[in-house]
């Protein structure tokens, strides 16, 4: 069974651009370890009597024809946006530039 290490937690934190203290990293090692342990327990469940879910009996849905249409709701949608710059939606910056 693969174990989560502090190095793994630090790597995930870096990918998520999170600042994690050494104490938090240690807590997360145990937290993620517990999650992995739960998944490994699920792998031990005997599913030999369980019929796999399938769509063998499902009826095919009729497909609709793709019809090109003009959608003129752009202005109506943009009027509801709190921050707008021309035809674009302005969103607040959440990350600093690298």
PDB file of N, CA and C in Angstrom:
ATOM      1  N   UNK A   1       0.850  -1.173   0.000  1.00  0.00           N
ATOM      2  CA  UNK A   1       0.000   0.000   0.000  1.00  0.00           C
ATOM      3  C   UNK A   1       0.894   1.234   0.000  1.00  0.00           C
ATOM      4  N   UNK A   2       0.621   2.153  -0.913  1.00  0.00           N
ATOM      5  CA  UNK A   2       1.400   3.384  -1.006  1.00  0.00           C
ATOM      6  C   UNK A   2       1.081   4.300   0.165  1.00  0.00           C
ATOM      7  N   UNK A   3       2.094   4.894   0.696  1.00  0.00           N
ATOM      8  CA  UNK A   3       1.937   5.815   1.820  1.00  0.00           C
ATOM      9  C   UNK A   3       2.121   7.242   1.325  1.00  0.00           C
ATOM     10  N   UNK A   4       1.410   8.152   1.928  1.00  0.00           N
ATOM     11  CA  UNK A   4       1.583   9.573   1.648  1.00  0.00           C
ATOM     12  C   UNK A   4       2.700  10.092   2.546  1.00  0.00           C
ATOM     13  N   UNK A   5       3.641  10.791   1.961  1.00  0.00           N
ATOM     14  CA  UNK A   5       4.744  11.344   2.728  1.00  0.00           C
ATOM     15  C   UNK A   5       4.608  12.862   2.823  1.00  0.00           C
ATOM     16  N   UNK A   6       5.407  13.422   3.682  1.00  0.00           N
ATOM     17  CA  UNK A   6       5.417  14.879   3.811  1.00  0.00           C
ATOM     18  C   UNK A   6       5.845  15.524   2.494  1.00  0.00           C
ATOM     19  N   UNK A   7       6.761  14.865   1.799  1.00  0.00           N
ATOM     20  CA  UNK A   7       7.203  15.374   0.498  1.00  0.00           C
ATOM     21  C   UNK A   7       6.035  15.401  -0.491  1.00  0.00           C
ATOM     22  N   UNK A   8       5.172  14.377  -0.448  1.00  0.00           N
ATOM     23  CA  UNK A   8       3.983  14.344  -1.303  1.00  0.00           C
ATOM     24  C   UNK A   8       3.060  15.522  -0.996  1.00  0.00           C
ATOM     25  N   UNK A   9       2.853  15.773   0.305  1.00  0.00           N
ATOM     26  CA  UNK A   9       1.970  16.872   0.719  1.00  0.00           C
ATOM     27  C   UNK A   9       2.551  18.203   0.266  1.00  0.00           C
ATOM     28  N   UNK A  10       3.833  18.384   0.429  1.00  0.00           N
ATOM     29  CA  UNK A  10       4.472  19.636  -0.001  1.00  0.00           C
ATOM     30  C   UNK A  10       4.362  19.810  -1.509  1.00  0.00           C
ATOM     31  N   UNK A  11       4.488  18.714  -2.251  1.00  0.00           N
ATOM     32  CA  UNK A  11       4.351  18.758  -3.704  1.00  0.00           C
ATOM     33  C   UNK A  11       2.928  19.165  -4.100  1.00  0.00           C
ATOM     34  N   UNK A  12       1.926  18.539  -3.471  1.00  0.00           N
ATOM     35  CA  UNK A  12       0.524  18.884  -3.775  1.00  0.00           C
ATOM     36  C   UNK A  12       0.233  20.332  -3.416  1.00  0.00           C
ATOM     37  N   UNK A  13       0.782  20.788  -2.296  1.00  0.00           N
ATOM     38  CA  UNK A  13       0.576  22.178  -1.878  1.00  0.00           C
ATOM     39  C   UNK A  13       1.182  23.128  -2.909  1.00  0.00           C
ATOM     40  N   UNK A  14       2.351  22.780  -3.407  1.00  0.00           N
ATOM     41  CA  UNK A  14       2.998  23.632  -4.406  1.00  0.00           C
ATOM     42  C   UNK A  14       2.170  23.661  -5.690  1.00  0.00           C
ATOM     43  N   UNK A  15       1.654  22.506  -6.110  1.00  0.00           N
ATOM     44  CA  UNK A  15       0.820  22.457  -7.311  1.00  0.00           C
ATOM     45  C   UNK A  15      -0.438  23.306  -7.142  1.00  0.00           C
ATOM     46  N   UNK A  16      -1.007  23.279  -5.937  1.00  0.00           N
ATOM     47  CA  UNK A  16      -2.230  24.033  -5.667  1.00  0.00           C
ATOM     48  C   UNK A  16      -1.925  25.469  -5.265  1.00  0.00           C
ATOM     49  N   UNK A  17      -0.636  25.799  -5.235  1.00  0.00           N
ATOM     50  CA  UNK A  17      -0.187  27.140  -4.839  1.00  0.00           C
ATOM     51  C   UNK A  17      -0.710  27.510  -3.459  1.00  0.00           C
ATOM     52  N   UNK A  18      -0.548  26.557  -2.537  1.00  0.00           N
ATOM     53  CA  UNK A  18      -0.963  26.758  -1.157  1.00  0.00           C
ATOM     54  C   UNK A  18       0.266  26.839  -0.266  1.00  0.00           C
ATOM     55  N   UNK A  19       0.198  27.692   0.716  1.00  0.00           N
ATOM     56  CA  UNK A  19       1.264  27.771   1.698  1.00  0.00           C
ATOM     57  C   UNK A  19       0.864  26.893   2.879  1.00  0.00           C
ATOM     58  N   UNK A  20       1.687  25.893   3.175  1.00  0.00           N
ATOM     59  CA  UNK A  20       1.378  24.935   4.224  1.00  0.00           C
ATOM     60  C   UNK A  20       2.517  24.940   5.240  1.00  0.00           C
ATOM     61  N   UNK A  21       2.163  25.160   6.497  1.00  0.00           N
ATOM     62  CA  UNK A  21       3.171  25.148   7.552  1.00  0.00           C
ATOM     63  C   UNK A  21       3.611  23.708   7.819  1.00  0.00           C
ATOM     64  N   UNK A  22       4.761  23.511   8.470  1.00  0.00           N
ATOM     65  CA  UNK A  22       5.200  22.138   8.787  1.00  0.00           C
ATOM     66  C   UNK A  22       4.174  21.373   9.626  1.00  0.00           C
ATOM     67  N   UNK A  23       3.507  22.056  10.540  1.00  0.00           N
ATOM     68  CA  UNK A  23       2.486  21.391  11.361  1.00  0.00           C
ATOM     69  C   UNK A  23       1.293  20.962  10.501  1.00  0.00           C
ATOM     70  N   UNK A  24       0.877  21.868   9.615  1.00  0.00           N
ATOM     71  CA  UNK A  24      -0.244  21.537   8.726  1.00  0.00           C
ATOM     72  C   UNK A  24       0.132  20.391   7.788  1.00  0.00           C
ATOM     73  N   UNK A  25       1.371  20.395   7.311  1.00  0.00           N
ATOM     74  CA  UNK A  25       1.820  19.328   6.410  1.00  0.00           C
ATOM     75  C   UNK A  25       1.746  17.979   7.115  1.00  0.00           C
ATOM     76  N   UNK A  26       2.150  17.945   8.379  1.00  0.00           N
ATOM     77  CA  UNK A  26       2.104  16.690   9.128  1.00  0.00           C
ATOM     78  C   UNK A  26       0.662  16.222   9.320  1.00  0.00           C
ATOM     79  N   UNK A  27      -0.245  17.168   9.626  1.00  0.00           N
ATOM     80  CA  UNK A  27      -1.664  16.820   9.756  1.00  0.00           C
ATOM     81  C   UNK A  27      -2.218  16.284   8.435  1.00  0.00           C
ATOM     82  N   UNK A  28      -1.801  16.916   7.328  1.00  0.00           N
ATOM     83  CA  UNK A  28      -2.294  16.496   6.022  1.00  0.00           C
ATOM     84  C   UNK A  28      -1.764  15.119   5.625  1.00  0.00           C
ATOM     85  N   UNK A  29      -0.556  14.785   6.061  1.00  0.00           N
ATOM     86  CA  UNK A  29      -0.022  13.443   5.802  1.00  0.00           C
ATOM     87  C   UNK A  29      -0.969  12.402   6.387  1.00  0.00           C
ATOM     88  N   UNK A  30      -1.394  12.623   7.623  1.00  0.00           N
ATOM     89  CA  UNK A  30      -2.311  11.674   8.269  1.00  0.00           C
ATOM     90  C   UNK A  30      -3.695  11.704   7.609  1.00  0.00           C
ATOM     91  N   UNK A  31      -4.174  12.897   7.281  1.00  0.00           N
ATOM     92  CA  UNK A  31      -5.489  13.055   6.672  1.00  0.00           C
ATOM     93  C   UNK A  31      -5.549  12.318   5.331  1.00  0.00           C
ATOM     94  N   UNK A  32      -4.572  12.586   4.453  1.00  0.00           N
ATOM     95  CA  UNK A  32      -4.554  11.924   3.147  1.00  0.00           C
ATOM     96  C   UNK A  32      -4.295  10.430   3.290  1.00  0.00           C
ATOM     97  N   UNK A  33      -3.503  10.055   4.283  1.00  0.00           N
ATOM     98  CA  UNK A  33      -3.261   8.634   4.539  1.00  0.00           C
ATOM     99  C   UNK A  33      -4.541   7.908   4.904  1.00  0.00           C
ATOM    100  N   UNK A  34      -5.374   8.556   5.719  1.00  0.00           N
ATOM    101  CA  UNK A  34      -6.657   7.965   6.091  1.00  0.00           C
ATOM    102  C   UNK A  34      -7.565   7.802   4.876  1.00  0.00           C
ATOM    103  N   UNK A  35      -7.538   8.790   3.995  1.00  0.00           N
ATOM    104  CA  UNK A  35      -8.357   8.717   2.777  1.00  0.00           C
ATOM    105  C   UNK A  35      -7.898   7.544   1.913  1.00  0.00           C
ATOM    106  N   UNK A  36      -6.583   7.431   1.707  1.00  0.00           N
ATOM    107  CA  UNK A  36      -6.062   6.316   0.901  1.00  0.00           C
ATOM    108  C   UNK A  36      -6.390   4.975   1.534  1.00  0.00           C
ATOM    109  N   UNK A  37      -6.307   4.919   2.851  1.00  0.00           N
ATOM    110  CA  UNK A  37      -6.625   3.688   3.567  1.00  0.00           C
ATOM    111  C   UNK A  37      -8.078   3.281   3.320  1.00  0.00           C
ATOM    112  N   UNK A  38      -8.972   4.265   3.311  1.00  0.00           N
ATOM    113  CA  UNK A  38     -10.383   3.981   3.042  1.00  0.00           C
ATOM    114  C   UNK A  38     -10.571   3.413   1.638  1.00  0.00           C
ATOM    115  N   UNK A  39      -9.859   3.966   0.675  1.00  0.00           N
ATOM    116  CA  UNK A  39      -9.973   3.458  -0.694  1.00  0.00           C
ATOM    117  C   UNK A  39      -9.413   2.044  -0.800  1.00  0.00           C
ATOM    118  N   UNK A  40      -8.341   1.759  -0.082  1.00  0.00           N
ATOM    119  CA  UNK A  40      -7.786   0.410  -0.109  1.00  0.00           C
ATOM    120  C   UNK A  40      -8.768  -0.591   0.512  1.00  0.00           C
ATOM    121  N   UNK A  41      -9.500  -0.171   1.538  1.00  0.00           N
ATOM    122  CA  UNK A  41     -10.514  -1.048   2.130  1.00  0.00           C
ATOM    123  C   UNK A  41     -11.615  -1.352   1.121  1.00  0.00           C
ATOM    124  N   UNK A  42     -11.985  -0.345   0.320  1.00  0.00           N
ATOM    125  CA  UNK A  42     -13.002  -0.572  -0.715  1.00  0.00           C
ATOM    126  C   UNK A  42     -12.535  -1.604  -1.728  1.00  0.00           C
ATOM    127  N   UNK A  43     -11.236  -1.618  -1.999  1.00  0.00           N
ATOM    128  CA  UNK A  43     -10.685  -2.582  -2.944  1.00  0.00           C
ATOM    129  C   UNK A  43     -10.754  -4.017  -2.449  1.00  0.00           C
ATOM    130  N   UNK A  44     -10.938  -4.197  -1.144  1.00  0.00           N
ATOM    131  CA  UNK A  44     -11.003  -5.535  -0.564  1.00  0.00           C
ATOM    132  C   UNK A  44     -12.419  -6.108  -0.545  1.00  0.00           C
ATOM    133  N   UNK A  45     -13.398  -5.320  -0.918  1.00  0.00           N
ATOM    134  CA  UNK A  45     -14.795  -5.751  -0.885  1.00  0.00           C
ATOM    135  C   UNK A  45     -15.032  -6.793  -1.980  1.00  0.00           C
ATOM    136  N   UNK A  46     -15.708  -7.884  -1.612  1.00  0.00           N
ATOM    137  CA  UNK A  46     -16.024  -8.942  -2.567  1.00  0.00           C
ATOM    138  C   UNK A  46     -17.219  -8.518  -3.414  1.00  0.00           C
ATOM    139  N   UNK A  47     -16.974  -8.313  -4.676  1.00  0.00           N
ATOM    140  CA  UNK A  47     -18.031  -7.883  -5.596  1.00  0.00           C
ATOM    141  C   UNK A  47     -18.407  -8.972  -6.589  1.00  0.00           C
ATOM    142  N   UNK A  48     -18.044 -10.206  -6.283  1.00  0.00           N
ATOM    143  CA  UNK A  48     -18.291 -11.295  -7.233  1.00  0.00           C
ATOM    144  C   UNK A  48     -19.784 -11.528  -7.481  1.00  0.00           C
ATOM    145  N   UNK A  49     -20.637 -11.208  -6.508  1.00  0.00           N
ATOM    146  CA  UNK A  49     -22.080 -11.401  -6.687  1.00  0.00           C
ATOM    147  C   UNK A  49     -22.791 -10.163  -7.237  1.00  0.00           C
ATOM    148  N   UNK A  50     -22.064  -9.120  -7.490  1.00  0.00           N
ATOM    149  CA  UNK A  50     -22.663  -7.872  -7.955  1.00  0.00           C
ATOM    150  C   UNK A  50     -22.637  -7.837  -9.475  1.00  0.00           C
ATOM    151  N   UNK A  51     -23.782  -7.565 -10.061  1.00  0.00           N
ATOM    152  CA  UNK A  51     -23.878  -7.472 -11.510  1.00  0.00           C
ATOM    153  C   UNK A  51     -23.380  -6.080 -11.911  1.00  0.00           C
ATOM    154  N   UNK A  52     -22.412  -6.020 -12.811  1.00  0.00           N
ATOM    155  CA  UNK A  52     -21.905  -4.714 -13.233  1.00  0.00           C
ATOM    156  C   UNK A  52     -23.008  -3.892 -13.892  1.00  0.00           C
ATOM    157  N   UNK A  53     -22.977  -2.599 -13.633  1.00  0.00           N
ATOM    158  CA  UNK A  53     -23.955  -1.703 -14.248  1.00  0.00           C
ATOM    159  C   UNK A  53     -23.636  -1.603 -15.729  1.00  0.00           C
ATOM    160  N   UNK A  54     -24.634  -1.698 -16.510  1.00  0.00           N
ATOM    161  CA  UNK A  54     -24.426  -1.594 -17.945  1.00  0.00           C
ATOM    162  C   UNK A  54     -25.640  -0.984 -18.610  1.00  0.00           C
ATOM    163  N   UNK A  55     -25.502  -0.686 -19.846  1.00  0.00           N
ATOM    164  CA  UNK A  55     -26.588  -0.071 -20.587  1.00  0.00           C
ATOM    165  C   UNK A  55     -27.110  -1.024 -21.671  1.00  0.00           C
ATOM    166  N   UNK A  56     -26.986  -2.324 -21.417  1.00  0.00           N
ATOM    167  CA  UNK A  56     -27.397  -3.288 -22.430  1.00  0.00           C
ATOM    168  C   UNK A  56     -28.875  -3.160 -22.788  1.00  0.00           C
ATOM    169  N   UNK A  57     -29.706  -2.893 -21.791  1.00  0.00           N
ATOM    170  CA  UNK A  57     -31.151  -2.843 -22.020  1.00  0.00           C
ATOM    171  C   UNK A  57     -31.666  -1.436 -22.308  1.00  0.00           C
ATOM    172  N   UNK A  58     -30.787  -0.477 -22.281  1.00  0.00           N
ATOM    173  CA  UNK A  58     -31.228   0.905 -22.490  1.00  0.00           C
ATOM    174  C   UNK A  58     -31.569   1.126 -23.960  1.00  0.00           C
ATOM    175  N   UNK A  59     -32.620   1.873 -24.165  1.00  0.00           N
ATOM    176  CA  UNK A  59     -33.018   2.191 -25.531  1.00  0.00           C
ATOM    177  C   UNK A  59     -32.188   3.373 -26.023  1.00  0.00           C
ATOM    178  N   UNK A  60     -31.884   3.336 -27.296  1.00  0.00           N
ATOM    179  CA  UNK A  60     -31.127   4.440 -27.892  1.00  0.00           C
ATOM    180  C   UNK A  60     -32.005   5.678 -27.932  1.00  0.00           C
ATOM    181  N   UNK A  61     -31.445   6.769 -27.568  1.00  0.00           N
ATOM    182  CA  UNK A  61     -32.175   8.033 -27.609  1.00  0.00           C
ATOM    183  C   UNK A  61     -32.131   8.579 -29.036  1.00  0.00           C
ATOM    184  N   UNK A  62     -33.237   9.122 -29.491  1.00  0.00           N
ATOM    185  CA  UNK A  62     -33.209   9.701 -30.836  1.00  0.00           C
ATOM    186  C   UNK A  62     -32.331  10.959 -30.830  1.00  0.00           C
ATOM    187  N   UNK A  63     -31.519  11.087 -31.852  1.00  0.00           N
ATOM    188  CA  UNK A  63     -30.658  12.257 -31.964  1.00  0.00           C
ATOM    189  C   UNK A  63     -31.409  13.374 -32.656  1.00  0.00           C
ATOM    190  N   UNK A  64     -31.166  14.565 -32.180  1.00  0.00           N
ATOM    191  CA  UNK A  64     -31.799  15.701 -32.850  1.00  0.00           C
ATOM    192  C   UNK A  64     -30.839  16.242 -33.892  1.00  0.00           C
ATOM    193  N   UNK A  65     -31.376  16.877 -34.865  1.00  0.00           N
ATOM    194  CA  UNK A  65     -30.561  17.442 -35.926  1.00  0.00           C
ATOM    195  C   UNK A  65     -29.858  18.692 -35.396  1.00  0.00           C
ATOM    196  N   UNK A  66     -28.580  18.835 -35.725  1.00  0.00           N
ATOM    197  CA  UNK A  66     -27.860  20.043 -35.348  1.00  0.00           C
ATOM    198  C   UNK A  66     -28.272  21.168 -36.280  1.00  0.00           C
ATOM    199  N   UNK A  67     -28.866  22.171 -35.695  1.00  0.00           N
ATOM    200  CA  UNK A  67     -29.327  23.301 -36.494  1.00  0.00           C
ATOM    201  C   UNK A  67     -28.595  24.541 -35.996  1.00  0.00           C
ATOM    202  N   UNK A  68     -27.926  25.222 -36.890  1.00  0.00           N
ATOM    203  CA  UNK A  68     -27.221  26.438 -36.545  1.00  0.00           C
ATOM    204  C   UNK A  68     -28.239  27.550 -36.329  1.00  0.00           C
ATOM    205  N   UNK A  69     -28.123  28.204 -35.196  1.00  0.00           N
ATOM    206  CA  UNK A  69     -29.047  29.298 -34.935  1.00  0.00           C
ATOM    207  C   UNK A  69     -28.259  30.473 -34.364  1.00  0.00           C
ATOM    208  N   UNK A  70     -28.787  31.633 -34.515  1.00  0.00           N
ATOM    209  CA  UNK A  70     -28.139  32.849 -34.019  1.00  0.00           C
ATOM    210  C   UNK A  70     -28.682  33.139 -32.635  1.00  0.00           C
ATOM    211  N   UNK A  71     -27.770  33.315 -31.684  1.00  0.00           N
ATOM    212  CA  UNK A  71     -28.165  33.610 -30.314  1.00  0.00           C
ATOM    213  C   UNK A  71     -27.804  35.059 -30.020  1.00  0.00           C
ATOM    214  N   UNK A  72     -28.799  35.895 -29.910  1.00  0.00           N
ATOM    215  CA  UNK A  72     -28.564  37.329 -29.713  1.00  0.00           C
ATOM    216  C   UNK A  72     -28.729  37.741 -28.255  1.00  0.00           C
ATOM    217  N   UNK A  73     -28.375  36.842 -27.330  1.00  0.00           N
ATOM    218  CA  UNK A  73     -28.530  37.169 -25.916  1.00  0.00           C
ATOM    219  C   UNK A  73     -27.262  37.756 -25.296  1.00  0.00           C
ATOM    220  N   UNK A  74     -26.220  37.972 -26.096  1.00  0.00           N
ATOM    221  CA  UNK A  74     -24.944  38.442 -25.559  1.00  0.00           C
ATOM    222  C   UNK A  74     -25.120  39.720 -24.738  1.00  0.00           C
ATOM    223  N   UNK A  75     -25.758  40.699 -25.288  1.00  0.00           N
ATOM    224  CA  UNK A  75     -25.904  41.979 -24.583  1.00  0.00           C
ATOM    225  C   UNK A  75     -26.729  41.821 -23.313  1.00  0.00           C
ATOM    226  N   UNK A  76     -27.783  41.029 -23.370  1.00  0.00           N
ATOM    227  CA  UNK A  76     -28.618  40.800 -22.183  1.00  0.00           C
ATOM    228  C   UNK A  76     -27.807  40.130 -21.076  1.00  0.00           C
ATOM    229  N   UNK A  77     -26.945  39.208 -21.452  1.00  0.00           N
ATOM    230  CA  UNK A  77     -26.106  38.531 -20.461  1.00  0.00           C
ATOM    231  C   UNK A  77     -25.068  39.492 -19.912  1.00  0.00           C
ATOM    232  N   UNK A  78     -24.400  40.242 -20.791  1.00  0.00           N
ATOM    233  CA  UNK A  78     -23.361  41.171 -20.349  1.00  0.00           C
ATOM    234  C   UNK A  78     -23.910  42.291 -19.470  1.00  0.00           C
ATOM    235  N   UNK A  79     -25.165  42.634 -19.635  1.00  0.00           N
ATOM    236  CA  UNK A  79     -25.769  43.679 -18.790  1.00  0.00           C
ATOM    237  C   UNK A  79     -25.886  43.236 -17.340  1.00  0.00           C
ATOM    238  N   UNK A  80     -25.887  41.938 -17.088  1.00  0.00           N
ATOM    239  CA  UNK A  80     -26.029  41.412 -15.732  1.00  0.00           C
ATOM    240  C   UNK A  80     -24.694  41.217 -15.020  1.00  0.00           C
ATOM    241  N   UNK A  81     -23.603  41.413 -15.730  1.00  0.00           N
ATOM    242  CA  UNK A  81     -22.269  41.175 -15.171  1.00  0.00           C
ATOM    243  C   UNK A  81     -21.852  42.359 -14.303  1.00  0.00           C
ATOM    244  N   UNK A  82     -21.325  42.095 -13.087  1.00  0.00           N
ATOM    245  CA  UNK A  82     -20.940  43.201 -12.211  1.00  0.00           C
ATOM    246  C   UNK A  82     -19.768  44.030 -12.740  1.00  0.00           C
ATOM    247  N   UNK A  83     -18.767  43.392 -13.315  1.00  0.00           N
ATOM    248  CA  UNK A  83     -17.622  44.113 -13.877  1.00  0.00           C
ATOM    249  C   UNK A  83     -17.498  43.754 -15.348  1.00  0.00           C
ATOM    250  N   UNK A  84     -17.556  44.780 -16.169  1.00  0.00           N
ATOM    251  CA  UNK A  84     -17.540  44.553 -17.609  1.00  0.00           C
ATOM    252  C   UNK A  84     -16.534  45.490 -18.243  1.00  0.00           C
ATOM    253  N   UNK A  85     -15.847  44.977 -19.255  1.00  0.00           N
ATOM    254  CA  UNK A  85     -14.908  45.790 -20.023  1.00  0.00           C
ATOM    255  C   UNK A  85     -15.199  45.546 -21.490  1.00  0.00           C
ATOM    256  N   UNK A  86     -16.001  46.392 -22.083  1.00  0.00           N
ATOM    257  CA  UNK A  86     -16.405  46.196 -23.471  1.00  0.00           C
ATOM    258  C   UNK A  86     -17.284  44.967 -23.580  1.00  0.00           C
ATOM    259  N   UNK A  87     -16.876  44.035 -24.447  1.00  0.00           N
ATOM    260  CA  UNK A  87     -17.620  42.785 -24.625  1.00  0.00           C
ATOM    261  C   UNK A  87     -17.058  41.658 -23.770  1.00  0.00           C
ATOM    262  N   UNK A  88     -16.258  41.987 -22.770  1.00  0.00           N
ATOM    263  CA  UNK A  88     -15.620  40.990 -21.928  1.00  0.00           C
ATOM    264  C   UNK A  88     -16.070  41.131 -20.481  1.00  0.00           C
ATOM    265  N   UNK A  89     -16.044  40.007 -19.775  1.00  0.00           N
ATOM    266  CA  UNK A  89     -16.361  39.995 -18.354  1.00  0.00           C
ATOM    267  C   UNK A  89     -15.057  40.154 -17.596  1.00  0.00           C
ATOM    268  N   UNK A  90     -15.001  41.118 -16.720  1.00  0.00           N
ATOM    269  CA  UNK A  90     -13.806  41.361 -15.918  1.00  0.00           C
ATOM    270  C   UNK A  90     -13.962  40.616 -14.599  1.00  0.00           C
ATOM    271  N   UNK A  91     -12.967  39.815 -14.260  1.00  0.00           N
ATOM    272  CA  UNK A  91     -12.996  39.060 -13.015  1.00  0.00           C
ATOM    273  C   UNK A  91     -11.840  39.514 -12.141  1.00  0.00           C
ATOM    274  N   UNK A  92     -12.007  39.469 -10.816  1.00  0.00           N
ATOM    275  CA  UNK A  92     -10.929  39.898  -9.938  1.00  0.00           C
ATOM    276  C   UNK A  92      -9.731  38.959 -10.026  1.00  0.00           C
ATOM    277  N   UNK A  93      -8.551  39.532  -9.888  1.00  0.00           N
ATOM    278  CA  UNK A  93      -7.320  38.737  -9.905  1.00  0.00           C
ATOM    279  C   UNK A  93      -7.262  37.922  -8.631  1.00  0.00           C
ATOM    280  N   UNK A  94      -6.958  36.628  -8.757  1.00  0.00           N
ATOM    281  CA  UNK A  94      -6.871  35.780  -7.578  1.00  0.00           C
ATOM    282  C   UNK A  94      -5.457  35.270  -7.338  1.00  0.00           C
ATOM    283  N   UNK A  95      -4.581  35.468  -8.313  1.00  0.00           N
ATOM    284  CA  UNK A  95      -3.206  34.998  -8.162  1.00  0.00           C
ATOM    285  C   UNK A  95      -2.263  36.124  -8.533  1.00  0.00           C
ATOM    286  N   UNK A  96      -1.126  36.140  -7.873  1.00  0.00           N
ATOM    287  CA  UNK A  96      -0.110  37.105  -8.219  1.00  0.00           C
ATOM    288  C   UNK A  96       0.651  36.628  -9.428  1.00  0.00           C
ATOM    289  N   UNK A  97       1.226  37.549 -10.173  1.00  0.00           N
ATOM    290  CA  UNK A  97       2.012  37.169 -11.330  1.00  0.00           C
ATOM    291  C   UNK A  97       3.292  36.508 -10.873  1.00  0.00           C
ATOM    292  N   UNK A  98       3.717  35.492 -11.577  1.00  0.00           N
ATOM    293  CA  UNK A  98       4.938  34.756 -11.192  1.00  0.00           C
ATOM    294  C   UNK A  98       6.183  35.475 -11.667  1.00  0.00           C
TER     295      UNK A  98
END
